[in-house]
Amino acid sequence: MSFEAGFGNENFGSLVSVSLDAILQIVVEEVPVFINLSTPSKVVNKVPKEKGIKRSMEALMSNPENQKLIKK
């Protein structure tokens, strides 16, 4: 699956590609439109899980508009 996502304070657009088995769910306006119940067949990312989550969260939170998505 490929989609365009905005990153950073200026919402810089970038094309993101993700294998379908790596998507857990897709939510549109707080309504789940896709839930994946399958088990991933293999791990292709060699970044340790903790480091990958931290980098993903930093990228997500760099856009102030995304901060309202995270409930603390």
PDB file of N, CA and C in Angstrom:
ATOM      1  N   MET A   1       0.859  -1.159   0.000  1.00  0.00           N
ATOM      2  CA  MET A   1       0.000   0.000   0.000  1.00  0.00           C
ATOM      3  C   MET A   1       0.904   1.221   0.000  1.00  0.00           C
ATOM      4  N   SER A   2       0.583   2.199  -0.804  1.00  0.00           N
ATOM      5  CA  SER A   2       1.337   3.446  -0.853  1.00  0.00           C
ATOM      6  C   SER A   2       0.386   4.613  -0.617  1.00  0.00           C
ATOM      7  N   PHE A   3       0.874   5.633   0.086  1.00  0.00           N
ATOM      8  CA  PHE A   3       0.070   6.820   0.353  1.00  0.00           C
ATOM      9  C   PHE A   3       1.002   7.986   0.611  1.00  0.00           C
ATOM     10  N   GLU A   4       0.460   9.190   0.529  1.00  0.00           N
ATOM     11  CA  GLU A   4       1.249  10.375   0.813  1.00  0.00           C
ATOM     12  C   GLU A   4       0.985  10.801   2.251  1.00  0.00           C
ATOM     13  N   ALA A   5       2.061  11.110   2.967  1.00  0.00           N
ATOM     14  CA  ALA A   5       1.952  11.543   4.357  1.00  0.00           C
ATOM     15  C   ALA A   5       2.713  12.846   4.532  1.00  0.00           C
ATOM     16  N   GLY A   6       2.263  13.680   5.457  1.00  0.00           N
ATOM     17  CA  GLY A   6       2.921  14.939   5.758  1.00  0.00           C
ATOM     18  C   GLY A   6       3.805  14.799   6.980  1.00  0.00           C
ATOM     19  N   PHE A   7       5.032  15.358   6.899  1.00  0.00           N
ATOM     20  CA  PHE A   7       5.992  15.265   7.998  1.00  0.00           C
ATOM     21  C   PHE A   7       6.542  16.645   8.324  1.00  0.00           C
ATOM     22  N   GLY A   8       6.864  16.857   9.582  1.00  0.00           N
ATOM     23  CA  GLY A   8       7.506  18.096  10.014  1.00  0.00           C
ATOM     24  C   GLY A   8       6.530  19.229  10.218  1.00  0.00           C
ATOM     25  N   ASN A   9       7.061  20.344  10.709  1.00  0.00           N
ATOM     26  CA  ASN A   9       6.230  21.519  10.986  1.00  0.00           C
ATOM     27  C   ASN A   9       5.578  22.083   9.731  1.00  0.00           C
ATOM     28  N   GLU A  10       6.246  21.896   8.594  1.00  0.00           N
ATOM     29  CA  GLU A  10       5.715  22.427   7.339  1.00  0.00           C
ATOM     30  C   GLU A  10       4.903  21.391   6.568  1.00  0.00           C
ATOM     31  N   ASN A  11       4.626  20.260   7.195  1.00  0.00           N
ATOM     32  CA  ASN A  11       3.815  19.202   6.599  1.00  0.00           C
ATOM     33  C   ASN A  11       4.365  18.771   5.245  1.00  0.00           C
ATOM     34  N   PHE A  12       5.677  18.537   5.183  1.00  0.00           N
ATOM     35  CA  PHE A  12       6.361  18.129   3.959  1.00  0.00           C
ATOM     36  C   PHE A  12       5.812  16.786   3.488  1.00  0.00           C
ATOM     37  N   GLY A  13       5.291  16.744   2.271  1.00  0.00           N
ATOM     38  CA  GLY A  13       4.688  15.527   1.742  1.00  0.00           C
ATOM     39  C   GLY A  13       5.717  14.524   1.257  1.00  0.00           C
ATOM     40  N   SER A  14       5.493  13.271   1.568  1.00  0.00           N
ATOM     41  CA  SER A  14       6.394  12.208   1.144  1.00  0.00           C
ATOM     42  C   SER A  14       5.579  10.950   0.866  1.00  0.00           C
ATOM     43  N   LEU A  15       5.981  10.196  -0.151  1.00  0.00           N
ATOM     44  CA  LEU A  15       5.304   8.949  -0.473  1.00  0.00           C
ATOM     45  C   LEU A  15       5.800   7.849   0.465  1.00  0.00           C
ATOM     46  N   VAL A  16       4.874   7.170   1.106  1.00  0.00           N
ATOM     47  CA  VAL A  16       5.185   6.099   2.059  1.00  0.00           C
ATOM     48  C   VAL A  16       4.626   4.799   1.501  1.00  0.00           C
ATOM     49  N   SER A  17       5.439   3.743   1.526  1.00  0.00           N
ATOM     50  CA  SER A  17       4.991   2.422   1.083  1.00  0.00           C
ATOM     51  C   SER A  17       5.105   1.436   2.239  1.00  0.00           C
ATOM     52  N   VAL A  18       4.054   0.649   2.421  1.00  0.00           N
ATOM     53  CA  VAL A  18       4.004  -0.319   3.513  1.00  0.00           C
ATOM     54  C   VAL A  18       3.392  -1.606   2.971  1.00  0.00           C
ATOM     55  N   SER A  19       3.974  -2.746   3.350  1.00  0.00           N
ATOM     56  CA  SER A  19       3.363  -4.009   2.925  1.00  0.00           C
ATOM     57  C   SER A  19       2.044  -4.196   3.677  1.00  0.00           C
ATOM     58  N   LEU A  20       1.068  -4.790   3.017  1.00  0.00           N
ATOM     59  CA  LEU A  20      -0.261  -4.926   3.622  1.00  0.00           C
ATOM     60  C   LEU A  20      -0.245  -5.734   4.910  1.00  0.00           C
ATOM     61  N   ASP A  21       0.637  -6.725   5.014  1.00  0.00           N
ATOM     62  CA  ASP A  21       0.647  -7.525   6.241  1.00  0.00           C
ATOM     63  C   ASP A  21       1.239  -6.758   7.426  1.00  0.00           C
ATOM     64  N   ALA A  22       1.824  -5.584   7.186  1.00  0.00           N
ATOM     65  CA  ALA A  22       2.376  -4.774   8.263  1.00  0.00           C
ATOM     66  C   ALA A  22       1.355  -3.772   8.808  1.00  0.00           C
ATOM     67  N   ILE A  23       0.201  -3.645   8.160  1.00  0.00           N
ATOM     68  CA  ILE A  23      -0.833  -2.698   8.598  1.00  0.00           C
ATOM     69  C   ILE A  23      -1.755  -3.401   9.584  1.00  0.00           C
ATOM     70  N   LEU A  24      -1.892  -2.832  10.773  1.00  0.00           N
ATOM     71  CA  LEU A  24      -2.779  -3.411  11.780  1.00  0.00           C
ATOM     72  C   LEU A  24      -4.201  -2.911  11.612  1.00  0.00           C
ATOM     73  N   GLN A  25      -4.351  -1.582  11.420  1.00  0.00           N
ATOM     74  CA  GLN A  25      -5.681  -1.050  11.180  1.00  0.00           C
ATOM     75  C   GLN A  25      -5.583   0.298  10.498  1.00  0.00           C
ATOM     76  N   ILE A  26      -6.666   0.672   9.824  1.00  0.00           N
ATOM     77  CA  ILE A  26      -6.786   1.984   9.198  1.00  0.00           C
ATOM     78  C   ILE A  26      -8.040   2.618   9.780  1.00  0.00           C
ATOM     79  N   VAL A  27      -7.894   3.842  10.285  1.00  0.00           N
ATOM     80  CA  VAL A  27      -8.996   4.556  10.912  1.00  0.00           C
ATOM     81  C   VAL A  27      -9.225   5.863  10.158  1.00  0.00           C
ATOM     82  N   VAL A  28     -10.473   6.140   9.786  1.00  0.00           N
ATOM     83  CA  VAL A  28     -10.834   7.385   9.121  1.00  0.00           C
ATOM     84  C   VAL A  28     -11.872   8.083   9.989  1.00  0.00           C
ATOM     85  N   GLU A  29     -11.538   9.296  10.432  1.00  0.00           N
ATOM     86  CA  GLU A  29     -12.433  10.078  11.290  1.00  0.00           C
ATOM     87  C   GLU A  29     -12.930   9.255  12.479  1.00  0.00           C
ATOM     88  N   GLU A  30     -12.009   8.605  13.159  1.00  0.00           N
ATOM     89  CA  GLU A  30     -12.255   7.809  14.362  1.00  0.00           C
ATOM     90  C   GLU A  30     -13.081   6.547  14.119  1.00  0.00           C
ATOM     91  N   VAL A  31     -13.254   6.146  12.852  1.00  0.00           N
ATOM     92  CA  VAL A  31     -13.998   4.929  12.525  1.00  0.00           C
ATOM     93  C   VAL A  31     -13.042   3.941  11.851  1.00  0.00           C
ATOM     94  N   PRO A  32     -12.858   2.752  12.439  1.00  0.00           N
ATOM     95  CA  PRO A  32     -11.993   1.755  11.791  1.00  0.00           C
ATOM     96  C   PRO A  32     -12.605   1.315  10.457  1.00  0.00           C
ATOM     97  N   VAL A  33     -11.833   1.425   9.382  1.00  0.00           N
ATOM     98  CA  VAL A  33     -12.310   0.986   8.069  1.00  0.00           C
ATOM     99  C   VAL A  33     -11.585  -0.272   7.618  1.00  0.00           C
ATOM    100  N   PHE A  34     -10.508  -0.640   8.320  1.00  0.00           N
ATOM    101  CA  PHE A  34      -9.753  -1.852   7.988  1.00  0.00           C
ATOM    102  C   PHE A  34      -9.096  -2.364   9.249  1.00  0.00           C
ATOM    103  N   ILE A  35      -9.256  -3.653   9.523  1.00  0.00           N
ATOM    104  CA  ILE A  35      -8.577  -4.301  10.643  1.00  0.00           C
ATOM    105  C   ILE A  35      -7.944  -5.576  10.103  1.00  0.00           C
ATOM    106  N   ASN A  36      -6.638  -5.707  10.289  1.00  0.00           N
ATOM    107  CA  ASN A  36      -5.897  -6.855   9.781  1.00  0.00           C
ATOM    108  C   ASN A  36      -5.689  -7.856  10.916  1.00  0.00           C
ATOM    109  N   LEU A  37      -6.263  -9.020  10.778  1.00  0.00           N
ATOM    110  CA  LEU A  37      -6.143 -10.057  11.805  1.00  0.00           C
ATOM    111  C   LEU A  37      -5.109 -11.115  11.454  1.00  0.00           C
ATOM    112  N   SER A  38      -4.395 -10.922  10.333  1.00  0.00           N
ATOM    113  CA  SER A  38      -3.409 -11.907   9.903  1.00  0.00           C
ATOM    114  C   SER A  38      -2.106 -11.776  10.684  1.00  0.00           C
ATOM    115  N   THR A  39      -1.256 -12.767  10.546  1.00  0.00           N
ATOM    116  CA  THR A  39       0.058 -12.777  11.166  1.00  0.00           C
ATOM    117  C   THR A  39       1.103 -12.484  10.098  1.00  0.00           C
ATOM    118  N   PRO A  40       2.002 -11.517  10.345  1.00  0.00           N
ATOM    119  CA  PRO A  40       3.030 -11.220   9.336  1.00  0.00           C
ATOM    120  C   PRO A  40       3.857 -12.467   9.012  1.00  0.00           C
ATOM    121  N   SER A  41       4.152 -12.654   7.717  1.00  0.00           N
ATOM    122  CA  SER A  41       4.894 -13.843   7.304  1.00  0.00           C
ATOM    123  C   SER A  41       6.380 -13.742   7.597  1.00  0.00           C
ATOM    124  N   LYS A  42       6.942 -12.538   7.547  1.00  0.00           N
ATOM    125  CA  LYS A  42       8.358 -12.362   7.844  1.00  0.00           C
ATOM    126  C   LYS A  42       8.614 -10.923   8.266  1.00  0.00           C
ATOM    127  N   VAL A  43       9.724 -10.714   8.929  1.00  0.00           N
ATOM    128  CA  VAL A  43      10.120  -9.378   9.351  1.00  0.00           C
ATOM    129  C   VAL A  43      11.153  -8.872   8.366  1.00  0.00           C
ATOM    130  N   VAL A  44      10.888  -7.740   7.707  1.00  0.00           N
ATOM    131  CA  VAL A  44      11.824  -7.204   6.729  1.00  0.00           C
ATOM    132  C   VAL A  44      12.627  -6.047   7.288  1.00  0.00           C
ATOM    133  N   ASN A  45      12.164  -5.444   8.360  1.00  0.00           N
ATOM    134  CA  ASN A  45      12.858  -4.310   8.951  1.00  0.00           C
ATOM    135  C   ASN A  45      13.866  -4.820   9.974  1.00  0.00           C
ATOM    136  N   LYS A  46      15.133  -4.423   9.830  1.00  0.00           N
ATOM    137  CA  LYS A  46      16.167  -4.900  10.741  1.00  0.00           C
ATOM    138  C   LYS A  46      16.450  -3.921  11.868  1.00  0.00           C
ATOM    139  N   VAL A  47      15.654  -2.848  11.960  1.00  0.00           N
ATOM    140  CA  VAL A  47      15.799  -1.889  13.047  1.00  0.00           C
ATOM    141  C   VAL A  47      15.144  -2.498  14.284  1.00  0.00           C
ATOM    142  N   PRO A  48      15.830  -2.454  15.439  1.00  0.00           N
ATOM    143  CA  PRO A  48      15.195  -2.983  16.658  1.00  0.00           C
ATOM    144  C   PRO A  48      13.834  -2.312  16.888  1.00  0.00           C
ATOM    145  N   LYS A  49      12.876  -3.099  17.350  1.00  0.00           N
ATOM    146  CA  LYS A  49      11.503  -2.614  17.497  1.00  0.00           C
ATOM    147  C   LYS A  49      11.422  -1.333  18.325  1.00  0.00           C
ATOM    148  N   GLU A  50      12.113  -1.270  19.451  1.00  0.00           N
ATOM    149  CA  GLU A  50      12.052  -0.096  20.322  1.00  0.00           C
ATOM    150  C   GLU A  50      12.559   1.153  19.601  1.00  0.00           C
ATOM    151  N   LYS A  51      13.652   1.017  18.856  1.00  0.00           N
ATOM    152  CA  LYS A  51      14.225   2.154  18.139  1.00  0.00           C
ATOM    153  C   LYS A  51      13.305   2.589  17.000  1.00  0.00           C
ATOM    154  N   GLY A  52      12.715   1.627  16.300  1.00  0.00           N
ATOM    155  CA  GLY A  52      11.797   1.940  15.212  1.00  0.00           C
ATOM    156  C   GLY A  52      10.563   2.667  15.699  1.00  0.00           C
ATOM    157  N   ILE A  53      10.016   2.230  16.840  1.00  0.00           N
ATOM    158  CA  ILE A  53       8.842   2.889  17.409  1.00  0.00           C
ATOM    159  C   ILE A  53       9.196   4.315  17.815  1.00  0.00           C
ATOM    160  N   LYS A  54      10.360   4.512  18.421  1.00  0.00           N
ATOM    161  CA  LYS A  54      10.765   5.848  18.845  1.00  0.00           C
ATOM    162  C   LYS A  54      10.916   6.768  17.644  1.00  0.00           C
ATOM    163  N   ARG A  55      11.557   6.285  16.568  1.00  0.00           N
ATOM    164  CA  ARG A  55      11.746   7.104  15.363  1.00  0.00           C
ATOM    165  C   ARG A  55      10.406   7.416  14.708  1.00  0.00           C
ATOM    166  N   SER A  56       9.509   6.457  14.662  1.00  0.00           N
ATOM    167  CA  SER A  56       8.189   6.684  14.073  1.00  0.00           C
ATOM    168  C   SER A  56       7.409   7.711  14.878  1.00  0.00           C
ATOM    169  N   MET A  57       7.457   7.594  16.186  1.00  0.00           N
ATOM    170  CA  MET A  57       6.732   8.535  17.043  1.00  0.00           C
ATOM    171  C   MET A  57       7.307   9.937  16.910  1.00  0.00           C
ATOM    172  N   GLU A  58       8.636  10.066  16.826  1.00  0.00           N
ATOM    173  CA  GLU A  58       9.250  11.384  16.654  1.00  0.00           C
ATOM    174  C   GLU A  58       8.811  12.016  15.340  1.00  0.00           C
ATOM    175  N   ALA A  59       8.753  11.228  14.274  1.00  0.00           N
ATOM    176  CA  ALA A  59       8.316  11.751  12.979  1.00  0.00           C
ATOM    177  C   ALA A  59       6.856  12.175  13.042  1.00  0.00           C
ATOM    178  N   LEU A  60       6.019  11.359  13.673  1.00  0.00           N
ATOM    179  CA  LEU A  60       4.602  11.681  13.793  1.00  0.00           C
ATOM    180  C   LEU A  60       4.391  12.943  14.620  1.00  0.00           C
ATOM    181  N   MET A  61       5.077  13.044  15.738  1.00  0.00           N
ATOM    182  CA  MET A  61       4.856  14.166  16.650  1.00  0.00           C
ATOM    183  C   MET A  61       5.535  15.458  16.190  1.00  0.00           C
ATOM    184  N   SER A  62       6.383  15.405  15.158  1.00  0.00           N
ATOM    185  CA  SER A  62       7.026  16.622  14.677  1.00  0.00           C
ATOM    186  C   SER A  62       6.014  17.553  14.002  1.00  0.00           C
ATOM    187  N   ASN A  63       4.852  17.031  13.647  1.00  0.00           N
ATOM    188  CA  ASN A  63       3.789  17.844  13.078  1.00  0.00           C
ATOM    189  C   ASN A  63       2.786  18.162  14.185  1.00  0.00           C
ATOM    190  N   PRO A  64       2.629  19.453  14.548  1.00  0.00           N
ATOM    191  CA  PRO A  64       1.711  19.812  15.633  1.00  0.00           C
ATOM    192  C   PRO A  64       0.274  19.334  15.394  1.00  0.00           C
ATOM    193  N   GLU A  65      -0.127  19.219  14.136  1.00  0.00           N
ATOM    194  CA  GLU A  65      -1.483  18.750  13.833  1.00  0.00           C
ATOM    195  C   GLU A  65      -1.693  17.300  14.283  1.00  0.00           C
ATOM    196  N   ASN A  66      -0.616  16.512  14.316  1.00  0.00           N
ATOM    197  CA  ASN A  66      -0.725  15.107  14.713  1.00  0.00           C
ATOM    198  C   ASN A  66      -0.804  14.936  16.223  1.00  0.00           C
ATOM    199  N   GLN A  67      -0.381  15.926  16.969  1.00  0.00           N
ATOM    200  CA  GLN A  67      -0.354  15.802  18.428  1.00  0.00           C
ATOM    201  C   GLN A  67      -1.756  15.586  19.006  1.00  0.00           C
ATOM    202  N   LYS A  68      -2.777  16.087  18.342  1.00  0.00           N
ATOM    203  CA  LYS A  68      -4.144  15.910  18.854  1.00  0.00           C
ATOM    204  C   LYS A  68      -4.631  14.471  18.680  1.00  0.00           C
ATOM    205  N   LEU A  69      -3.913  13.664  17.876  1.00  0.00           N
ATOM    206  CA  LEU A  69      -4.296  12.272  17.667  1.00  0.00           C
ATOM    207  C   LEU A  69      -3.889  11.366  18.809  1.00  0.00           C
ATOM    208  N   ILE A  70      -2.906  11.807  19.592  1.00  0.00           N
ATOM    209  CA  ILE A  70      -2.364  10.989  20.663  1.00  0.00           C
ATOM    210  C   ILE A  70      -3.026  11.352  21.982  1.00  0.00           C
ATOM    211  N   LYS A  71      -3.658  10.387  22.612  1.00  0.00           N
ATOM    212  CA  LYS A  71      -4.282  10.612  23.918  1.00  0.00           C
ATOM    213  C   LYS A  71      -3.267  10.291  24.989  1.00  0.00           C
ATOM    214  N   LYS A  72      -3.075  11.201  25.906  1.00  0.00           N
ATOM    215  CA  LYS A  72      -2.082  11.009  26.981  1.00  0.00           C
ATOM    216  C   LYS A  72      -2.735  10.519  28.247  1.00  0.00           C
TER     217      LYS A  72
END
